[in-house]
Amino acid sequence: MADLWNIISSNYITVGGAVPSNSKYVAVDPEAFEGSWKGKYANGTSFDVSISNVNGFRAKVKYLSGSTIKYQDVLIRDSSFRIGDSKFMLTGNNKAQIATVVTNPVTGTSTLEKAAATRG
């Protein structure tokens, strides 16, 4: 059981959860976030992040990559949010970055995959 908590802890720190934000949640521009964001990780795996119903600092998000599908209500702060083991960061007009922690099921090692995403 302790190994499970170590994995969860290391994944949380790897994606950026160890740096707390001092900013407050504030309403964001829905047009900056809503839509379908696509990209491809360095290992060739493509992903699609669909953001909808942005209201204030809340949104509904669907993340699709390979056989992984995640649906989640998210809170947006500092132009970013987390969905599962992934973090979405808005970097510019129609541009974003996705950082996802991937754990090898055989070795148990975790790696951080980063990729650019564009809205299209």
N, C-alpha and C. Protein backbone atom coordinates (compact mmCIF):
# COMPACT_ATOMS: atom_id res chain seq x y z
N MET A 1 0.82 -1.19 0.00
CA MET A 1 0.00 0.00 0.00
C MET A 1 0.87 1.26 0.00
N ALA A 2 2.00 1.20 0.70
CA ALA A 2 2.88 2.36 0.73
C ALA A 2 3.42 2.68 -0.66
N ASP A 3 3.68 1.65 -1.48
CA ASP A 3 4.15 1.88 -2.84
C ASP A 3 3.14 2.66 -3.65
N LEU A 4 1.86 2.37 -3.46
CA LEU A 4 0.80 3.08 -4.18
C LEU A 4 0.83 4.56 -3.84
N TRP A 5 0.97 4.89 -2.56
CA TRP A 5 1.01 6.30 -2.16
C TRP A 5 2.26 7.00 -2.67
N ASN A 6 3.37 6.29 -2.74
CA ASN A 6 4.59 6.88 -3.31
C ASN A 6 4.40 7.21 -4.77
N ILE A 7 3.76 6.34 -5.52
CA ILE A 7 3.50 6.59 -6.95
C ILE A 7 2.58 7.78 -7.11
N ILE A 8 1.51 7.81 -6.35
CA ILE A 8 0.57 8.94 -6.44
C ILE A 8 1.27 10.24 -6.08
N SER A 9 2.04 10.23 -5.02
CA SER A 9 2.76 11.41 -4.59
C SER A 9 3.75 11.89 -5.64
N SER A 10 4.51 10.98 -6.22
CA SER A 10 5.50 11.38 -7.22
C SER A 10 4.83 11.90 -8.48
N ASN A 11 3.71 11.31 -8.87
CA ASN A 11 2.98 11.80 -10.04
C ASN A 11 2.43 13.19 -9.79
N TYR A 12 1.92 13.44 -8.60
CA TYR A 12 1.36 14.75 -8.28
C TYR A 12 2.44 15.81 -8.34
N ILE A 13 3.61 15.49 -7.81
CA ILE A 13 4.73 16.44 -7.82
C ILE A 13 5.24 16.64 -9.23
N THR A 14 5.32 15.59 -10.03
CA THR A 14 5.86 15.67 -11.38
C THR A 14 5.04 16.60 -12.25
N VAL A 15 3.71 16.54 -12.18
CA VAL A 15 2.86 17.34 -13.04
C VAL A 15 2.83 18.80 -12.60
N GLY A 16 3.25 19.08 -11.40
CA GLY A 16 3.31 20.48 -10.98
C GLY A 16 2.44 20.79 -9.80
N GLY A 17 1.92 19.79 -9.13
CA GLY A 17 1.04 20.03 -8.01
C GLY A 17 1.76 20.49 -6.75
N ALA A 18 3.08 20.40 -6.70
CA ALA A 18 3.82 20.76 -5.50
C ALA A 18 3.99 22.27 -5.36
N VAL A 19 3.74 23.02 -6.41
CA VAL A 19 3.89 24.46 -6.36
C VAL A 19 2.51 25.08 -6.19
N PRO A 20 2.17 25.47 -4.96
CA PRO A 20 0.82 26.00 -4.74
C PRO A 20 0.68 27.39 -5.37
N SER A 21 -0.51 27.66 -5.82
CA SER A 21 -0.80 28.96 -6.41
C SER A 21 -1.41 29.85 -5.33
N ASN A 22 -0.96 31.08 -5.28
CA ASN A 22 -1.52 32.03 -4.32
C ASN A 22 -2.63 32.86 -4.93
N SER A 23 -2.89 32.68 -6.23
CA SER A 23 -3.92 33.47 -6.88
C SER A 23 -5.30 32.89 -6.61
N LYS A 24 -6.31 33.73 -6.75
CA LYS A 24 -7.69 33.32 -6.52
C LYS A 24 -8.30 32.85 -7.84
N TYR A 25 -9.35 32.07 -7.73
CA TYR A 25 -10.10 31.69 -8.91
C TYR A 25 -10.88 32.91 -9.39
N VAL A 26 -10.71 33.24 -10.67
CA VAL A 26 -11.43 34.36 -11.26
C VAL A 26 -12.02 33.90 -12.59
N ALA A 27 -13.07 34.58 -13.01
CA ALA A 27 -13.72 34.23 -14.27
C ALA A 27 -12.74 34.37 -15.43
N VAL A 28 -12.82 33.42 -16.37
CA VAL A 28 -11.96 33.44 -17.55
C VAL A 28 -12.82 33.71 -18.78
N ASP A 29 -12.18 34.07 -19.86
CA ASP A 29 -12.86 34.30 -21.13
C ASP A 29 -13.18 32.94 -21.76
N PRO A 30 -14.46 32.58 -21.88
CA PRO A 30 -14.81 31.27 -22.44
C PRO A 30 -14.23 31.05 -23.83
N GLU A 31 -14.16 32.10 -24.64
CA GLU A 31 -13.65 31.96 -26.02
C GLU A 31 -12.18 31.57 -26.05
N ALA A 32 -11.43 31.86 -24.99
CA ALA A 32 -10.01 31.50 -24.96
C ALA A 32 -9.82 30.00 -24.74
N PHE A 33 -10.80 29.34 -24.11
CA PHE A 33 -10.64 27.93 -23.75
C PHE A 33 -11.51 26.98 -24.56
N GLU A 34 -12.75 27.34 -24.84
CA GLU A 34 -13.69 26.40 -25.45
C GLU A 34 -13.26 25.94 -26.83
N GLY A 35 -13.51 24.66 -27.09
CA GLY A 35 -13.19 24.09 -28.40
C GLY A 35 -12.46 22.77 -28.27
N SER A 36 -11.97 22.30 -29.40
CA SER A 36 -11.25 21.04 -29.47
C SER A 36 -9.77 21.33 -29.66
N TRP A 37 -8.95 20.84 -28.74
CA TRP A 37 -7.50 21.05 -28.77
C TRP A 37 -6.85 19.73 -29.12
N LYS A 38 -5.95 19.74 -30.10
CA LYS A 38 -5.32 18.51 -30.57
C LYS A 38 -3.80 18.65 -30.58
N GLY A 39 -3.14 17.51 -30.44
CA GLY A 39 -1.68 17.49 -30.49
C GLY A 39 -1.17 16.07 -30.47
N LYS A 40 0.15 15.94 -30.43
CA LYS A 40 0.78 14.63 -30.45
C LYS A 40 2.00 14.66 -29.53
N TYR A 41 2.10 13.64 -28.66
CA TYR A 41 3.25 13.51 -27.78
C TYR A 41 4.47 13.06 -28.59
N ALA A 42 5.65 13.17 -28.01
CA ALA A 42 6.89 12.78 -28.69
C ALA A 42 6.91 11.30 -29.05
N ASN A 43 6.20 10.47 -28.30
CA ASN A 43 6.16 9.03 -28.59
C ASN A 43 5.18 8.68 -29.71
N GLY A 44 4.54 9.69 -30.30
CA GLY A 44 3.64 9.48 -31.43
C GLY A 44 2.17 9.35 -31.05
N THR A 45 1.86 9.28 -29.78
CA THR A 45 0.47 9.16 -29.33
C THR A 45 -0.22 10.50 -29.46
N SER A 46 -1.34 10.53 -30.15
CA SER A 46 -2.08 11.78 -30.30
C SER A 46 -3.09 11.93 -29.16
N PHE A 47 -3.54 13.16 -28.95
CA PHE A 47 -4.53 13.43 -27.91
C PHE A 47 -5.51 14.49 -28.41
N ASP A 48 -6.65 14.51 -27.77
CA ASP A 48 -7.70 15.48 -28.09
C ASP A 48 -8.33 15.91 -26.77
N VAL A 49 -8.34 17.21 -26.51
CA VAL A 49 -8.96 17.76 -25.31
C VAL A 49 -10.11 18.64 -25.76
N SER A 50 -11.32 18.29 -25.35
CA SER A 50 -12.51 19.07 -25.70
C SER A 50 -12.98 19.82 -24.46
N ILE A 51 -13.05 21.14 -24.56
CA ILE A 51 -13.46 21.98 -23.44
C ILE A 51 -14.78 22.65 -23.81
N SER A 52 -15.75 22.55 -22.91
CA SER A 52 -17.06 23.14 -23.17
C SER A 52 -17.65 23.71 -21.88
N ASN A 53 -18.75 24.42 -22.03
CA ASN A 53 -19.51 24.97 -20.91
C ASN A 53 -18.65 25.76 -19.92
N VAL A 54 -17.75 26.59 -20.45
CA VAL A 54 -16.93 27.43 -19.56
C VAL A 54 -17.84 28.50 -18.96
N ASN A 55 -17.92 28.49 -17.63
CA ASN A 55 -18.78 29.43 -16.92
C ASN A 55 -18.00 29.92 -15.70
N GLY A 56 -17.59 31.19 -15.72
CA GLY A 56 -16.75 31.71 -14.65
C GLY A 56 -15.38 31.08 -14.75
N PHE A 57 -15.02 30.28 -13.75
CA PHE A 57 -13.74 29.56 -13.78
C PHE A 57 -13.95 28.05 -13.83
N ARG A 58 -15.17 27.63 -14.15
CA ARG A 58 -15.49 26.19 -14.25
C ARG A 58 -15.68 25.79 -15.70
N ALA A 59 -15.39 24.52 -16.01
CA ALA A 59 -15.58 24.01 -17.36
C ALA A 59 -15.77 22.50 -17.33
N LYS A 60 -16.30 21.98 -18.40
CA LYS A 60 -16.43 20.54 -18.59
C LYS A 60 -15.38 20.14 -19.63
N VAL A 61 -14.62 19.07 -19.34
CA VAL A 61 -13.51 18.68 -20.20
C VAL A 61 -13.56 17.18 -20.49
N LYS A 62 -13.23 16.85 -21.73
CA LYS A 62 -13.07 15.46 -22.16
C LYS A 62 -11.65 15.33 -22.69
N TYR A 63 -10.90 14.34 -22.18
CA TYR A 63 -9.53 14.07 -22.62
C TYR A 63 -9.52 12.70 -23.27
N LEU A 64 -9.00 12.63 -24.49
CA LEU A 64 -8.94 11.37 -25.24
C LEU A 64 -7.52 11.20 -25.77
N SER A 65 -6.88 10.06 -25.40
CA SER A 65 -5.55 9.74 -25.90
C SER A 65 -5.42 8.23 -25.93
N GLY A 66 -5.25 7.67 -27.12
CA GLY A 66 -5.19 6.22 -27.25
C GLY A 66 -6.48 5.60 -26.76
N SER A 67 -6.40 4.68 -25.82
CA SER A 67 -7.60 4.05 -25.27
C SER A 67 -8.07 4.75 -23.99
N THR A 68 -7.42 5.84 -23.61
CA THR A 68 -7.77 6.57 -22.39
C THR A 68 -8.79 7.65 -22.71
N ILE A 69 -9.92 7.62 -22.01
CA ILE A 69 -10.94 8.66 -22.11
C ILE A 69 -11.27 9.12 -20.71
N LYS A 70 -11.19 10.43 -20.48
CA LYS A 70 -11.50 10.99 -19.16
C LYS A 70 -12.49 12.14 -19.34
N TYR A 71 -13.52 12.15 -18.50
CA TYR A 71 -14.47 13.26 -18.45
C TYR A 71 -14.36 13.87 -17.06
N GLN A 72 -14.33 15.19 -17.00
CA GLN A 72 -14.19 15.81 -15.68
C GLN A 72 -14.68 17.25 -15.70
N ASP A 73 -15.26 17.68 -14.60
CA ASP A 73 -15.53 19.10 -14.37
C ASP A 73 -14.25 19.66 -13.75
N VAL A 74 -13.76 20.77 -14.29
CA VAL A 74 -12.48 21.31 -13.83
C VAL A 74 -12.64 22.74 -13.34
N LEU A 75 -11.66 23.18 -12.56
CA LEU A 75 -11.56 24.56 -12.11
C LEU A 75 -10.34 25.17 -12.77
N ILE A 76 -10.51 26.32 -13.41
CA ILE A 76 -9.42 26.98 -14.13
C ILE A 76 -8.81 28.07 -13.26
N ARG A 77 -7.49 27.99 -13.08
CA ARG A 77 -6.78 29.03 -12.33
C ARG A 77 -5.41 29.21 -12.99
N ASP A 78 -4.99 30.44 -13.10
CA ASP A 78 -3.70 30.76 -13.73
C ASP A 78 -3.63 30.20 -15.15
N SER A 79 -4.75 30.25 -15.88
CA SER A 79 -4.85 29.78 -17.27
C SER A 79 -4.54 28.30 -17.41
N SER A 80 -4.80 27.49 -16.37
CA SER A 80 -4.53 26.06 -16.45
C SER A 80 -5.52 25.29 -15.58
N PHE A 81 -5.58 23.99 -15.85
CA PHE A 81 -6.39 23.09 -15.04
C PHE A 81 -5.81 21.69 -15.16
N ARG A 82 -6.23 20.81 -14.24
CA ARG A 82 -5.80 19.42 -14.26
C ARG A 82 -6.98 18.53 -14.60
N ILE A 83 -6.71 17.50 -15.39
CA ILE A 83 -7.69 16.46 -15.66
C ILE A 83 -6.96 15.12 -15.54
N GLY A 84 -7.29 14.38 -14.50
CA GLY A 84 -6.60 13.11 -14.24
C GLY A 84 -5.12 13.35 -14.01
N ASP A 85 -4.27 12.65 -14.75
CA ASP A 85 -2.82 12.78 -14.63
C ASP A 85 -2.26 13.82 -15.60
N SER A 86 -3.12 14.66 -16.16
CA SER A 86 -2.69 15.64 -17.15
C SER A 86 -2.95 17.06 -16.67
N LYS A 87 -2.13 17.96 -17.14
CA LYS A 87 -2.32 19.37 -16.86
C LYS A 87 -2.36 20.12 -18.19
N PHE A 88 -3.39 20.94 -18.36
CA PHE A 88 -3.59 21.76 -19.56
C PHE A 88 -3.22 23.18 -19.20
N MET A 89 -2.32 23.81 -19.98
CA MET A 89 -1.91 25.18 -19.73
C MET A 89 -2.06 26.01 -21.00
N LEU A 90 -2.89 27.02 -20.94
CA LEU A 90 -3.06 27.93 -22.07
C LEU A 90 -1.80 28.78 -22.19
N THR A 91 -1.17 28.78 -23.38
CA THR A 91 0.09 29.51 -23.56
C THR A 91 -0.03 30.69 -24.51
N GLY A 92 -1.13 30.77 -25.24
CA GLY A 92 -1.31 31.87 -26.17
C GLY A 92 -2.62 31.71 -26.91
N ASN A 93 -2.82 32.55 -27.93
CA ASN A 93 -4.04 32.49 -28.72
C ASN A 93 -4.06 31.19 -29.52
N ASN A 94 -5.02 30.32 -29.22
CA ASN A 94 -5.17 29.00 -29.87
C ASN A 94 -3.98 28.08 -29.65
N LYS A 95 -3.19 28.31 -28.59
CA LYS A 95 -2.03 27.49 -28.27
C LYS A 95 -2.07 27.09 -26.80
N ALA A 96 -1.66 25.84 -26.54
CA ALA A 96 -1.62 25.35 -25.16
C ALA A 96 -0.54 24.29 -25.05
N GLN A 97 -0.27 23.88 -23.82
CA GLN A 97 0.66 22.79 -23.57
C GLN A 97 -0.02 21.78 -22.66
N ILE A 98 0.19 20.51 -22.97
CA ILE A 98 -0.33 19.41 -22.17
C ILE A 98 0.86 18.70 -21.54
N ALA A 99 0.79 18.44 -20.24
CA ALA A 99 1.81 17.66 -19.54
C ALA A 99 1.09 16.48 -18.89
N THR A 100 1.51 15.26 -19.22
CA THR A 100 0.85 14.06 -18.71
C THR A 100 1.87 13.12 -18.10
N VAL A 101 1.55 12.61 -16.93
CA VAL A 101 2.39 11.62 -16.27
C VAL A 101 1.98 10.25 -16.78
N VAL A 102 2.96 9.50 -17.31
CA VAL A 102 2.72 8.15 -17.82
C VAL A 102 3.53 7.18 -16.97
N THR A 103 2.84 6.18 -16.42
CA THR A 103 3.50 5.17 -15.60
C THR A 103 3.63 3.88 -16.38
N ASN A 104 4.85 3.35 -16.45
CA ASN A 104 5.10 2.08 -17.12
C ASN A 104 4.56 0.97 -16.22
N PRO A 105 3.59 0.17 -16.72
CA PRO A 105 3.00 -0.86 -15.88
C PRO A 105 3.96 -1.98 -15.50
N VAL A 106 5.02 -2.18 -16.26
CA VAL A 106 5.97 -3.25 -15.99
C VAL A 106 6.98 -2.83 -14.93
N THR A 107 7.59 -1.65 -15.13
CA THR A 107 8.65 -1.21 -14.22
C THR A 107 8.14 -0.32 -13.09
N GLY A 108 6.98 0.31 -13.30
CA GLY A 108 6.44 1.22 -12.29
C GLY A 108 7.05 2.60 -12.33
N THR A 109 7.94 2.86 -13.28
CA THR A 109 8.56 4.18 -13.38
C THR A 109 7.61 5.15 -14.06
N SER A 110 7.68 6.40 -13.65
CA SER A 110 6.83 7.44 -14.21
C SER A 110 7.65 8.39 -15.05
N THR A 111 7.09 8.82 -16.16
CA THR A 111 7.74 9.82 -17.00
C THR A 111 6.73 10.92 -17.30
N LEU A 112 7.23 12.10 -17.58
CA LEU A 112 6.39 13.24 -17.89
C LEU A 112 6.44 13.49 -19.39
N GLU A 113 5.32 13.36 -20.05
CA GLU A 113 5.21 13.62 -21.49
C GLU A 113 4.62 15.01 -21.66
N LYS A 114 5.29 15.86 -22.43
CA LYS A 114 4.79 17.21 -22.70
C LYS A 114 4.57 17.35 -24.20
N ALA A 115 3.55 18.10 -24.57
CA ALA A 115 3.27 18.32 -25.98
C ALA A 115 2.52 19.63 -26.17
N ALA A 116 2.71 20.20 -27.34
CA ALA A 116 1.96 21.42 -27.69
C ALA A 116 0.59 21.01 -28.21
N ALA A 117 -0.40 21.85 -27.96
CA ALA A 117 -1.74 21.60 -28.46
C ALA A 117 -2.22 22.86 -29.18
N THR A 118 -2.96 22.65 -30.24
CA THR A 118 -3.55 23.76 -30.98
C THR A 118 -5.04 23.53 -31.11
N ARG A 119 -5.77 24.63 -31.13
CA ARG A 119 -7.22 24.53 -31.29
C ARG A 119 -7.53 24.54 -32.77
N GLY A 120 -8.38 23.61 -33.16
CA GLY A 120 -8.66 23.55 -34.58
C GLY A 120 -9.97 22.99 -34.95
